[in-house]
Amino acid sequence: MDVLSILTLFFSFLISVLFISSYWRKHKKYQNLPPGPTPLPLLGNLNYVTRDGKHFRELSQKHGPVFTIWQLSEPIVVLCGYDVVKDALINHADQFSGRPYLAVVDFYSQGYSFPNVHGLRWSQLRRFTLTSLRNFGMGKTTMEERVLKEGQNLLQAVADTGGKPFNPLNLIGCAIGNIVSTMLLGEQFQYKDKKLQDLITTTRKHILNTHSRLHQFGNMFPILLNLPGLRQKIFREATEMTSFVKEYIQSHKKNLNINSPKDFIDFFLLKMKEEEPDADTNFSEKTLLWTIVALLAAGTETTTSTLKYCLTVMAHYPEVQEKVQQEIDEVTGSVRLPGIMDRAQMPYTNAVIHETQRLMDLAPIAHYHAVTQDTEFRGYTLPKGTRVIPFISSVLNDPTQWETPDDFNPNHFLDDKGQFRARPAFMVFSAGKRICAGENLARMELFLLFCSLMKQFTFSRVPETNPYKGKALRDNKWPLIWSSPLCAVPRNTSSK
């Protein structure tokens, strides 16, 4: 046997030993994980790792409400049902408040992406963000006034359609985009302004890209991010988004008035000036950039899609729409539009909005979580850093929590006396320490804009389109949101 053959055998043996040793260490580390489907060597359970979790109900029935799937050689623990998700996110809030390493996001944001930061940086940024938004009016009368003012623009834009078929998605996007832009960027636009259209389009493309197969592929195989062509393709939408935001940051830096901050960027820039002597500060221009990107993404597209879906549901349930309109008219009379203080006197309308959000099931798995320390949970051991999916869809459709989970049923949120009742399983904004930071604003926008539209118009589906009910509405939500036209006929409320 020649020297080359001996060296080949030696290195083959060495690689085999290293592989077996690595496998044994990993097996020992994860030996007390929850059960799950048998993974393929090296590949894991890639057929089960999807953005909508479409296989999770079946797996839960087979393996229990806490089970493990594998993405290549990394485990993902999935939590199903209200009891289990609540136990993790609320009863064990600290342990389940982490975020896992996601190669693509961490690569292009250099670890500054707001939804994915954790530890001290996350707690400081979240506290500052909530405080700044409250100072700017979130949850106060000033914010209600902004939403109602923008609502007038939306009503006029819908009226201009003249009752003809149109897709409300873009007009709603303009209204929501303006509300969020005013808070974050300090600018309000005309609906046809190219800057506003660029904001809507760029944000939507950025969100869709983060959910794309190519994005997932980059997370699974980070080494591929070293290939310039592929990296550029994966990061294209993120680059467009950051370029849009950077222009506003630079403009704000030039025109900053330290005595009169007008929006979130100004508040952040002032905080940066306070922190300048601290070399380890978490308040930097890079942090500002990615915080704005995250807030634009979270604050525009989700609320836009939800409000379009609300109108679509009303078009498919005209008897519900009529009852909502009757309640609004009784409370507000013939002239004024509904305000946030009317919500307590509109239990049915409030229930309809909540039930629409539940049925919509906007983010079935939301963002991945990670345990912040070795965690004992439900008889299993989750090592520090283990990725976790709280399957929110299983909470919103849990038959132990909802009387008719597959139906559109506003009575889910009404008590025996017809008064609104909150349901703890209503986790559309997630729960625990990672609950959506913009929840209060989103709730206000949905209520005020939905009620304004219901008071002024009756929405109907285009006659040649198929009617949907209950589960069919949920299963076809994205085509209905993205491309389904509606007709908005003005109501005569002068005699109400």
Protein backbone atom coordinates (compact mmCIF):
# COMPACT_ATOMS: atom_id res chain seq x y z
CA MET A 1 0.00 0.00 0.00
CA ASP A 2 1.48 3.36 -1.01
CA VAL A 3 1.73 6.45 1.19
CA LEU A 4 -1.21 8.19 -0.51
CA SER A 5 -3.54 5.27 0.22
CA ILE A 6 -2.44 5.17 3.86
CA LEU A 7 -3.05 8.90 4.25
CA THR A 8 -6.46 8.56 2.60
CA LEU A 9 -7.45 5.78 5.00
CA PHE A 10 -6.13 7.73 7.96
CA PHE A 11 -8.07 10.89 7.13
CA SER A 12 -11.22 8.87 6.37
CA PHE A 13 -10.89 7.21 9.77
CA LEU A 14 -10.25 10.57 11.46
CA ILE A 15 -13.31 12.18 9.83
CA SER A 16 -15.45 9.19 10.84
CA VAL A 17 -14.25 9.45 14.44
CA LEU A 18 -14.95 13.20 14.54
CA PHE A 19 -18.41 12.70 13.04
CA ILE A 20 -19.32 9.93 15.50
CA SER A 21 -17.93 11.96 18.40
CA SER A 22 -19.90 15.04 17.36
CA TYR A 23 -23.06 12.98 16.89
CA TRP A 24 -22.63 11.37 20.32
CA ARG A 25 -22.13 14.73 22.06
CA LYS A 26 -25.17 16.21 20.35
CA HIS A 27 -27.24 13.11 21.11
CA LYS A 28 -26.25 13.35 24.77
CA LYS A 29 -27.10 17.06 24.86
CA TYR A 30 -30.54 16.51 23.37
CA GLN A 31 -31.36 13.12 24.85
CA ASN A 32 -34.33 14.39 26.90
CA LEU A 33 -36.09 16.42 24.21
CA PRO A 34 -39.80 15.84 23.53
CA PRO A 35 -40.63 13.01 21.09
CA GLY A 36 -41.29 13.60 17.43
CA PRO A 37 -41.05 12.12 13.94
CA THR A 38 -37.86 10.20 13.21
CA PRO A 39 -35.39 12.51 11.44
CA LEU A 40 -33.39 11.47 8.40
CA PRO A 41 -29.60 11.40 8.95
CA LEU A 42 -28.17 14.90 8.43
CA LEU A 43 -31.38 16.17 6.76
CA GLY A 44 -33.69 15.97 9.76
CA ASN A 45 -37.44 16.54 9.10
CA LEU A 46 -37.21 19.18 6.39
CA ASN A 47 -40.65 18.23 5.04
CA TYR A 48 -42.18 19.39 8.35
CA VAL A 49 -40.28 22.69 8.64
CA THR A 50 -42.69 25.12 6.96
CA ARG A 51 -43.76 28.71 7.62
CA ASP A 52 -47.43 27.81 8.13
CA GLY A 53 -46.94 24.75 10.33
CA LYS A 54 -49.45 22.81 8.21
CA HIS A 55 -48.24 19.46 9.57
CA PHE A 56 -48.18 20.45 13.24
CA ARG A 57 -51.75 19.46 14.11
CA GLU A 58 -51.20 15.97 12.77
CA LEU A 59 -47.87 15.66 14.57
CA SER A 60 -49.42 16.93 17.79
CA GLN A 61 -52.12 14.27 17.64
CA LYS A 62 -49.46 11.60 17.20
CA HIS A 63 -46.68 12.81 19.53
CA GLY A 64 -48.47 15.06 22.01
CA PRO A 65 -48.76 18.85 22.45
CA VAL A 66 -44.98 19.24 22.88
CA PHE A 67 -42.90 17.59 20.17
CA THR A 68 -39.58 17.96 18.35
CA ILE A 69 -38.80 18.29 14.66
CA TRP A 70 -35.30 18.60 13.25
CA GLN A 71 -33.95 21.11 10.75
CA LEU A 72 -30.82 19.35 9.56
CA SER A 73 -29.00 18.60 12.83
CA GLU A 74 -30.76 21.26 14.94
CA PRO A 75 -33.92 20.52 16.95
CA ILE A 76 -37.01 22.72 17.00
CA VAL A 77 -39.49 22.18 19.82
CA VAL A 78 -43.09 22.89 18.84
CA LEU A 79 -45.73 23.90 21.40
CA CYS A 80 -49.38 23.21 20.57
CA GLY A 81 -52.60 24.22 22.27
CA TYR A 82 -53.54 27.00 24.66
CA ASP A 83 -52.45 25.29 27.89
CA VAL A 84 -48.95 24.49 26.65
CA VAL A 85 -48.32 27.83 24.89
CA LYS A 86 -49.58 29.77 27.90
CA ASP A 87 -47.41 27.65 30.21
CA ALA A 88 -44.32 28.50 28.14
CA LEU A 89 -44.84 32.16 27.21
CA ILE A 90 -46.52 33.35 30.41
CA ASN A 91 -45.70 30.95 33.25
CA HIS A 92 -42.09 30.51 32.03
CA ALA A 93 -41.81 33.92 30.38
CA ASP A 94 -38.12 34.53 31.11
CA GLN A 95 -36.95 31.13 29.91
CA PHE A 96 -38.87 31.34 26.61
CA SER A 97 -38.11 34.98 25.78
CA GLY A 98 -34.94 34.39 23.76
CA ARG A 99 -34.42 34.49 20.01
CA PRO A 100 -32.42 31.92 18.03
CA TYR A 101 -29.56 32.65 15.70
CA LEU A 102 -30.90 33.19 12.17
CA ALA A 103 -28.03 33.36 9.73
CA VAL A 104 -29.60 35.57 7.06
CA VAL A 105 -31.07 38.18 9.42
CA ASP A 106 -27.99 38.32 11.61
CA PHE A 107 -25.72 38.53 8.56
CA TYR A 108 -27.37 41.52 6.90
CA SER A 109 -28.25 43.32 10.14
CA GLN A 110 -24.97 42.39 11.89
CA GLY A 111 -27.02 41.32 14.91
CA TYR A 112 -29.06 44.54 15.17
CA SER A 113 -32.42 43.33 13.85
CA PHE A 114 -34.95 44.47 16.48
CA PRO A 115 -37.19 41.35 16.46
CA ASN A 116 -34.15 39.11 16.82
CA VAL A 117 -32.06 40.89 19.43
CA HIS A 118 -32.09 39.55 22.97
CA GLY A 119 -30.59 40.13 26.38
CA LEU A 120 -29.80 43.64 27.58
CA ARG A 121 -29.93 45.16 24.09
CA TRP A 122 -33.44 43.84 23.56
CA SER A 123 -34.78 44.93 26.96
CA GLN A 124 -33.32 48.45 26.60
CA LEU A 125 -34.57 48.91 23.04
CA ARG A 126 -38.04 47.58 23.80
CA ARG A 127 -38.40 49.81 26.88
CA PHE A 128 -37.21 52.86 24.95
CA THR A 129 -39.45 52.08 21.97
CA LEU A 130 -42.58 51.70 24.08
CA THR A 131 -41.81 54.87 26.04
CA SER A 132 -41.11 56.91 22.91
CA LEU A 133 -44.27 55.73 21.16
CA ARG A 134 -46.32 56.57 24.25
CA ASN A 135 -44.72 60.02 24.38
CA PHE A 136 -45.70 60.46 20.77
CA GLY A 137 -49.32 59.65 21.59
CA MET A 138 -49.78 55.89 21.26
CA GLY A 139 -52.76 54.96 23.42
CA LYS A 140 -53.70 58.62 23.95
CA THR A 141 -56.25 61.05 22.51
CA THR A 142 -53.62 62.59 20.25
CA MET A 143 -53.09 59.27 18.48
CA GLU A 144 -56.84 58.75 18.16
CA GLU A 145 -57.08 62.15 16.49
CA ARG A 146 -54.33 61.19 14.02
CA VAL A 147 -56.05 57.92 13.15
CA LEU A 148 -59.44 59.58 12.71
CA LYS A 149 -57.91 62.31 10.55
CA GLU A 150 -56.30 59.71 8.33
CA GLY A 151 -59.58 57.82 8.36
CA GLN A 152 -61.22 60.78 6.64
CA ASN A 153 -58.69 60.52 3.81
CA LEU A 154 -59.40 56.80 3.51
CA LEU A 155 -63.17 57.37 3.42
CA GLN A 156 -62.77 59.90 0.62
CA ALA A 157 -60.53 57.55 -1.36
CA VAL A 158 -63.09 54.74 -1.03
CA ALA A 159 -65.93 57.10 -1.99
CA ASP A 160 -64.00 58.01 -5.14
CA THR A 161 -64.37 54.41 -6.37
CA GLY A 162 -68.05 55.19 -7.03
CA GLY A 163 -69.28 51.79 -5.90
CA LYS A 164 -67.34 50.01 -8.63
CA PRO A 165 -65.23 46.88 -7.88
CA PHE A 166 -61.81 47.69 -6.42
CA ASN A 167 -59.24 46.11 -4.14
CA PRO A 168 -59.14 48.14 -0.89
CA LEU A 169 -55.71 46.75 0.01
CA ASN A 170 -53.67 49.61 -1.44
CA LEU A 171 -55.92 52.36 -0.06
CA ILE A 172 -55.83 50.76 3.39
CA GLY A 173 -52.06 50.44 3.04
CA CYS A 174 -51.85 54.18 2.30
CA ALA A 175 -53.85 55.01 5.44
CA ILE A 176 -51.89 52.70 7.74
CA GLY A 177 -48.62 53.68 6.08
CA ASN A 178 -49.36 57.36 6.73
CA ILE A 179 -50.20 56.76 10.40
CA VAL A 180 -47.00 54.80 10.99
CA SER A 181 -44.90 57.14 8.85
CA THR A 182 -46.09 60.14 10.87
CA MET A 183 -44.97 58.46 14.10
CA LEU A 184 -41.65 57.09 12.88
CA LEU A 185 -40.53 59.33 10.01
CA GLY A 186 -42.43 62.53 10.72
CA GLU A 187 -43.98 62.67 7.28
CA GLN A 188 -47.53 62.37 5.92
CA PHE A 189 -48.19 61.80 2.22
CA GLN A 190 -50.88 62.11 -0.40
CA TYR A 191 -52.07 58.63 -1.37
CA LYS A 192 -50.57 58.85 -4.86
CA ASP A 193 -47.24 60.21 -3.62
CA LYS A 194 -44.42 58.06 -4.96
CA LYS A 195 -42.67 58.06 -1.56
CA LEU A 196 -45.72 56.52 0.12
CA GLN A 197 -46.13 53.96 -2.65
CA ASP A 198 -42.42 53.13 -2.38
CA LEU A 199 -42.80 52.71 1.39
CA ILE A 200 -45.73 50.30 0.96
CA THR A 201 -44.10 48.32 -1.86
CA THR A 202 -40.64 48.13 -0.30
CA THR A 203 -42.00 47.07 3.09
CA ARG A 204 -44.23 44.39 1.54
CA LYS A 205 -41.39 42.97 -0.55
CA HIS A 206 -39.11 42.92 2.49
CA ILE A 207 -41.68 40.96 4.53
CA LEU A 208 -42.42 38.50 1.74
CA ASN A 209 -38.70 37.91 1.29
CA THR A 210 -38.22 37.02 4.96
CA HIS A 211 -40.84 34.29 4.47
CA SER A 212 -39.44 33.02 1.18
CA ARG A 213 -37.89 29.60 0.56
CA LEU A 214 -34.64 31.28 -0.49
CA HIS A 215 -34.48 33.07 2.87
CA GLN A 216 -35.07 29.77 4.69
CA PHE A 217 -32.44 28.11 2.52
CA GLY A 218 -29.88 30.72 3.56
CA ASN A 219 -30.72 30.17 7.24
CA MET A 220 -30.25 26.41 6.88
CA PHE A 221 -26.97 26.65 4.96
CA PRO A 222 -25.18 29.84 6.12
CA ILE A 223 -22.06 28.97 4.14
CA LEU A 224 -24.00 29.85 0.99
CA LEU A 225 -24.15 33.47 2.11
CA ASN A 226 -20.48 33.69 1.14
CA LEU A 227 -21.50 33.34 -2.53
CA PRO A 228 -21.85 36.94 -3.77
CA GLY A 229 -24.57 36.25 -6.33
CA LEU A 230 -26.83 34.33 -3.98
CA ARG A 231 -26.17 36.72 -1.09
CA GLN A 232 -27.15 39.68 -3.25
CA LYS A 233 -30.37 37.94 -4.32
CA ILE A 234 -31.35 37.09 -0.73
CA PHE A 235 -30.52 40.56 0.58
CA ARG A 236 -31.97 42.62 -2.29
CA GLU A 237 -35.26 43.53 -0.58
CA ALA A 238 -33.54 44.22 2.75
CA THR A 239 -31.09 46.51 0.96
CA GLU A 240 -33.94 48.47 -0.65
CA MET A 241 -35.64 48.77 2.73
CA THR A 242 -32.54 50.02 4.53
CA SER A 243 -31.75 52.49 1.74
CA PHE A 244 -35.25 53.97 2.11
CA VAL A 245 -34.85 54.36 5.89
CA LYS A 246 -31.27 55.66 5.73
CA GLU A 247 -32.39 58.68 3.72
CA TYR A 248 -34.75 59.69 6.51
CA ILE A 249 -32.15 59.17 9.22
CA GLN A 250 -29.62 61.37 7.42
CA SER A 251 -32.24 64.07 6.85
CA HIS A 252 -33.23 63.98 10.52
CA LYS A 253 -29.61 64.26 11.63
CA LYS A 254 -29.21 67.44 9.59
CA ASN A 255 -32.43 69.04 10.82
CA LEU A 256 -32.62 67.78 14.42
CA ASN A 257 -34.14 70.25 16.88
CA ILE A 258 -33.07 69.04 20.32
CA ASN A 259 -35.84 71.07 21.97
CA SER A 260 -38.68 69.81 19.80
CA PRO A 261 -38.41 66.16 18.67
CA LYS A 262 -41.19 65.48 16.19
CA ASP A 263 -41.04 61.71 15.65
CA PHE A 264 -39.41 58.45 16.70
CA ILE A 265 -36.19 59.09 14.77
CA ASP A 266 -35.71 62.39 16.59
CA PHE A 267 -36.32 60.75 19.97
CA PHE A 268 -33.76 58.08 19.12
CA LEU A 269 -31.15 60.58 17.89
CA LEU A 270 -31.48 62.51 21.16
CA LYS A 271 -31.03 59.28 23.08
CA MET A 272 -27.88 58.60 21.07
CA LYS A 273 -26.50 62.01 22.10
CA GLU A 274 -27.15 61.20 25.76
CA GLU A 275 -25.34 57.87 25.38
CA GLU A 276 -22.32 59.16 23.41
CA PRO A 277 -19.79 58.87 26.29
CA ASP A 278 -20.75 55.21 26.75
CA ALA A 279 -18.74 53.10 24.31
CA ASP A 280 -20.92 50.03 24.97
CA THR A 281 -24.23 51.77 24.34
CA ASN A 282 -27.00 49.89 22.54
CA PHE A 283 -28.21 53.15 21.02
CA SER A 284 -26.37 53.68 17.76
CA GLU A 285 -27.26 54.67 14.23
CA LYS A 286 -27.15 51.04 13.19
CA THR A 287 -29.58 50.11 15.96
CA LEU A 288 -31.84 52.98 14.91
CA LEU A 289 -31.82 51.79 11.31
CA TRP A 290 -32.90 48.26 12.11
CA THR A 291 -35.40 49.33 14.74
CA ILE A 292 -37.15 51.55 12.19
CA VAL A 293 -37.09 48.74 9.61
CA ALA A 294 -38.70 46.38 12.12
CA LEU A 295 -41.34 48.88 13.23
CA LEU A 296 -42.29 49.73 9.65
CA ALA A 297 -42.59 46.05 8.78
CA ALA A 298 -44.58 45.17 11.89
CA GLY A 299 -46.71 48.31 11.91
CA THR A 300 -47.92 48.51 8.32
CA GLU A 301 -48.45 45.23 6.48
CA THR A 302 -50.05 43.25 9.33
CA THR A 303 -52.70 45.86 10.14
CA THR A 304 -53.31 46.54 6.45
CA SER A 305 -53.93 42.85 5.72
CA THR A 306 -56.12 42.45 8.80
CA LEU A 307 -58.37 45.39 7.94
CA LYS A 308 -58.76 44.18 4.34
CA TYR A 309 -59.71 40.77 5.70
CA CYS A 310 -62.27 42.35 8.05
CA LEU A 311 -63.98 44.02 5.09
CA THR A 312 -63.85 40.78 3.12
CA VAL A 313 -65.51 38.85 5.94
CA MET A 314 -68.26 41.47 6.11
CA ALA A 315 -68.83 41.11 2.37
CA HIS A 316 -69.28 37.35 2.82
CA TYR A 317 -71.45 37.75 5.94
CA PRO A 318 -73.87 40.56 4.99
CA GLU A 319 -76.17 39.78 7.93
CA VAL A 320 -73.28 40.37 10.34
CA GLN A 321 -72.32 43.57 8.53
CA GLU A 322 -75.88 44.87 8.85
CA LYS A 323 -75.90 44.17 12.59
CA VAL A 324 -72.54 45.96 13.01
CA GLN A 325 -73.84 48.99 11.10
CA GLN A 326 -76.98 49.08 13.20
CA GLU A 327 -74.97 49.10 16.43
CA ILE A 328 -72.65 51.84 15.17
CA ASP A 329 -75.60 54.00 14.09
CA GLU A 330 -77.34 53.58 17.45
CA VAL A 331 -74.23 54.71 19.34
CA THR A 332 -72.98 57.52 17.08
CA GLY A 333 -76.16 58.92 15.56
CA SER A 334 -76.33 60.42 12.09
CA VAL A 335 -73.33 62.74 12.03
CA ARG A 336 -70.17 61.81 13.90
CA LEU A 337 -67.79 58.95 13.27
CA PRO A 338 -67.08 56.41 16.04
CA GLY A 339 -64.35 57.19 18.59
CA ILE A 340 -62.36 54.90 20.82
CA MET A 341 -64.59 55.70 23.82
CA ASP A 342 -67.51 54.17 21.92
CA ARG A 343 -65.91 50.75 21.97
CA ALA A 344 -67.45 49.88 25.35
CA GLN A 345 -70.92 50.62 23.92
CA MET A 346 -70.27 48.50 20.83
CA PRO A 347 -69.81 44.96 22.17
CA TYR A 348 -70.99 43.24 19.00
CA THR A 349 -68.74 45.27 16.72
CA ASN A 350 -65.79 44.68 19.04
CA ALA A 351 -66.58 40.96 19.06
CA VAL A 352 -66.72 40.88 15.26
CA ILE A 353 -63.27 42.48 14.97
CA HIS A 354 -61.78 40.04 17.49
CA GLU A 355 -63.42 37.03 15.87
CA THR A 356 -62.20 38.10 12.43
CA GLN A 357 -58.64 38.29 13.76
CA ARG A 358 -59.00 34.87 15.36
CA LEU A 359 -60.37 33.30 12.18
CA MET A 360 -57.74 35.03 10.04
CA ASP A 361 -54.89 33.42 11.97
CA LEU A 362 -52.43 35.91 10.48
CA ALA A 363 -49.15 34.52 11.84
CA PRO A 364 -49.53 30.80 12.63
CA ILE A 365 -46.01 30.44 14.03
CA ALA A 366 -44.92 34.09 14.34
CA HIS A 367 -41.24 34.53 15.24
CA TYR A 368 -39.17 31.65 16.54
CA HIS A 369 -38.36 31.75 20.23
CA ALA A 370 -35.35 30.24 22.02
CA VAL A 371 -34.86 29.22 25.62
CA THR A 372 -32.48 31.50 27.48
CA GLN A 373 -31.18 28.75 29.79
CA ASP A 374 -31.39 25.01 30.26
CA THR A 375 -35.10 24.61 30.90
CA GLU A 376 -37.18 21.83 32.41
CA PHE A 377 -40.58 21.95 30.74
CA ARG A 378 -43.39 19.43 30.91
CA GLY A 379 -41.02 16.64 31.87
CA TYR A 380 -38.48 17.39 29.13
CA THR A 381 -35.12 19.17 29.10
CA LEU A 382 -34.57 21.96 26.59
CA PRO A 383 -30.88 22.96 26.48
CA LYS A 384 -30.07 26.67 26.37
CA GLY A 385 -30.55 28.07 22.88
CA THR A 386 -33.02 25.42 21.70
CA ARG A 387 -35.35 26.89 19.11
CA VAL A 388 -39.04 26.90 20.01
CA ILE A 389 -42.17 27.46 17.92
CA PRO A 390 -45.24 28.53 19.89
CA PHE A 391 -47.84 27.35 17.36
CA ILE A 392 -50.25 30.29 17.72
CA SER A 393 -52.66 28.76 15.20
CA SER A 394 -53.28 25.86 17.56
CA VAL A 395 -54.27 28.36 20.27
CA LEU A 396 -56.65 30.35 18.08
CA ASN A 397 -58.30 27.11 16.94
CA ASP A 398 -58.08 25.11 20.17
CA PRO A 399 -61.39 23.21 20.57
CA THR A 400 -61.01 23.36 24.37
CA GLN A 401 -61.09 27.17 24.21
CA TRP A 402 -63.48 27.94 21.35
CA GLU A 403 -66.98 26.52 20.98
CA THR A 404 -66.86 26.42 17.16
CA PRO A 405 -63.19 26.94 16.20
CA ASP A 406 -63.66 26.45 12.44
CA ASP A 407 -66.64 28.81 12.15
CA PHE A 408 -66.88 32.58 12.07
CA ASN A 409 -68.73 33.10 15.34
CA PRO A 410 -68.72 36.54 17.04
CA ASN A 411 -70.44 34.93 20.03
CA HIS A 412 -67.01 33.61 21.01
CA PHE A 413 -66.45 37.11 22.42
CA LEU A 414 -69.92 37.79 23.85
CA ASP A 415 -71.33 36.68 27.19
CA ASP A 416 -74.90 35.58 27.90
CA LYS A 417 -75.99 39.23 28.21
CA GLY A 418 -74.47 40.23 24.87
CA GLN A 419 -71.57 42.10 26.47
CA PHE A 420 -68.02 41.80 25.20
CA ARG A 421 -65.83 39.25 26.99
CA ALA A 422 -62.09 38.93 26.62
CA ARG A 423 -60.74 35.44 25.92
CA PRO A 424 -57.27 34.51 27.24
CA ALA A 425 -56.71 32.28 24.20
CA PHE A 426 -56.90 35.33 21.91
CA MET A 427 -53.14 35.41 21.24
CA VAL A 428 -53.07 37.07 17.83
CA PHE A 429 -50.38 39.44 19.17
CA SER A 430 -48.53 36.52 20.82
CA ALA A 431 -48.08 36.60 24.62
CA GLY A 432 -45.52 37.01 27.36
CA LYS A 433 -42.38 39.12 27.13
CA ARG A 434 -42.28 39.03 23.34
CA ILE A 435 -45.84 40.22 22.84
CA CYS A 436 -46.19 42.69 19.95
CA ALA A 437 -44.95 46.14 20.98
CA GLY A 438 -47.49 47.83 18.72
CA GLU A 439 -50.55 45.94 19.99
CA ASN A 440 -52.34 49.01 21.39
CA LEU A 441 -51.85 51.02 18.21
CA ALA A 442 -53.01 48.13 16.02
CA ARG A 443 -56.15 47.65 18.12
CA MET A 444 -56.96 51.37 17.90
CA GLU A 445 -56.39 51.51 14.14
CA LEU A 446 -58.52 48.44 13.49
CA PHE A 447 -61.44 49.63 15.59
CA LEU A 448 -61.52 53.24 14.39
CA LEU A 449 -60.95 52.57 10.69
CA PHE A 450 -63.23 49.53 10.55
CA CYS A 451 -66.07 51.39 12.28
CA SER A 452 -65.62 54.45 10.08
CA LEU A 453 -65.79 52.33 6.93
CA MET A 454 -68.80 50.40 8.22
CA LYS A 455 -70.66 53.61 9.04
CA GLN A 456 -70.12 55.15 5.62
CA PHE A 457 -70.27 52.13 3.27
CA THR A 458 -71.76 48.72 2.74
CA PHE A 459 -69.18 46.29 1.36
CA SER A 460 -70.14 43.43 -0.91
CA ARG A 461 -68.28 40.87 -2.94
CA VAL A 462 -68.24 41.09 -6.72
CA PRO A 463 -71.20 38.95 -7.92
CA GLU A 464 -69.15 36.50 -10.00
CA THR A 465 -66.81 35.64 -7.10
CA ASN A 466 -67.36 32.61 -4.88
CA PRO A 467 -68.94 33.07 -1.45
CA TYR A 468 -66.91 31.68 1.45
CA LYS A 469 -67.89 30.81 5.00
CA GLY A 470 -65.90 29.88 8.12
CA LYS A 471 -62.96 27.58 7.50
CA ALA A 472 -63.02 28.26 3.74
CA LEU A 473 -62.53 31.97 4.48
CA ARG A 474 -59.50 31.17 6.62
CA ASP A 475 -58.00 28.68 4.17
CA ASN A 476 -58.29 31.16 1.29
CA LYS A 477 -57.27 34.25 3.25
CA TRP A 478 -54.23 35.26 1.21
CA PRO A 479 -55.92 35.25 -2.22
CA LEU A 480 -58.85 37.10 -0.63
CA ILE A 481 -56.52 39.67 0.92
CA TRP A 482 -54.16 40.17 -1.99
CA SER A 483 -56.42 40.06 -5.03
CA SER A 484 -60.10 39.85 -4.09
CA PRO A 485 -62.06 42.96 -5.24
CA LEU A 486 -64.97 44.40 -3.26
CA CYS A 487 -67.67 46.96 -3.92
CA ALA A 488 -68.25 49.81 -1.45
CA VAL A 489 -71.68 51.40 -1.77
CA PRO A 490 -72.24 54.63 0.24
CA ARG A 491 -74.87 54.36 2.99
CA ASN A 492 -77.57 56.96 3.64
CA THR A 493 -77.13 57.58 7.36
CA SER A 494 -78.81 60.98 7.50
CA SER A 495 -81.95 59.49 9.00
CA LYS A 496 -80.22 57.16 11.46
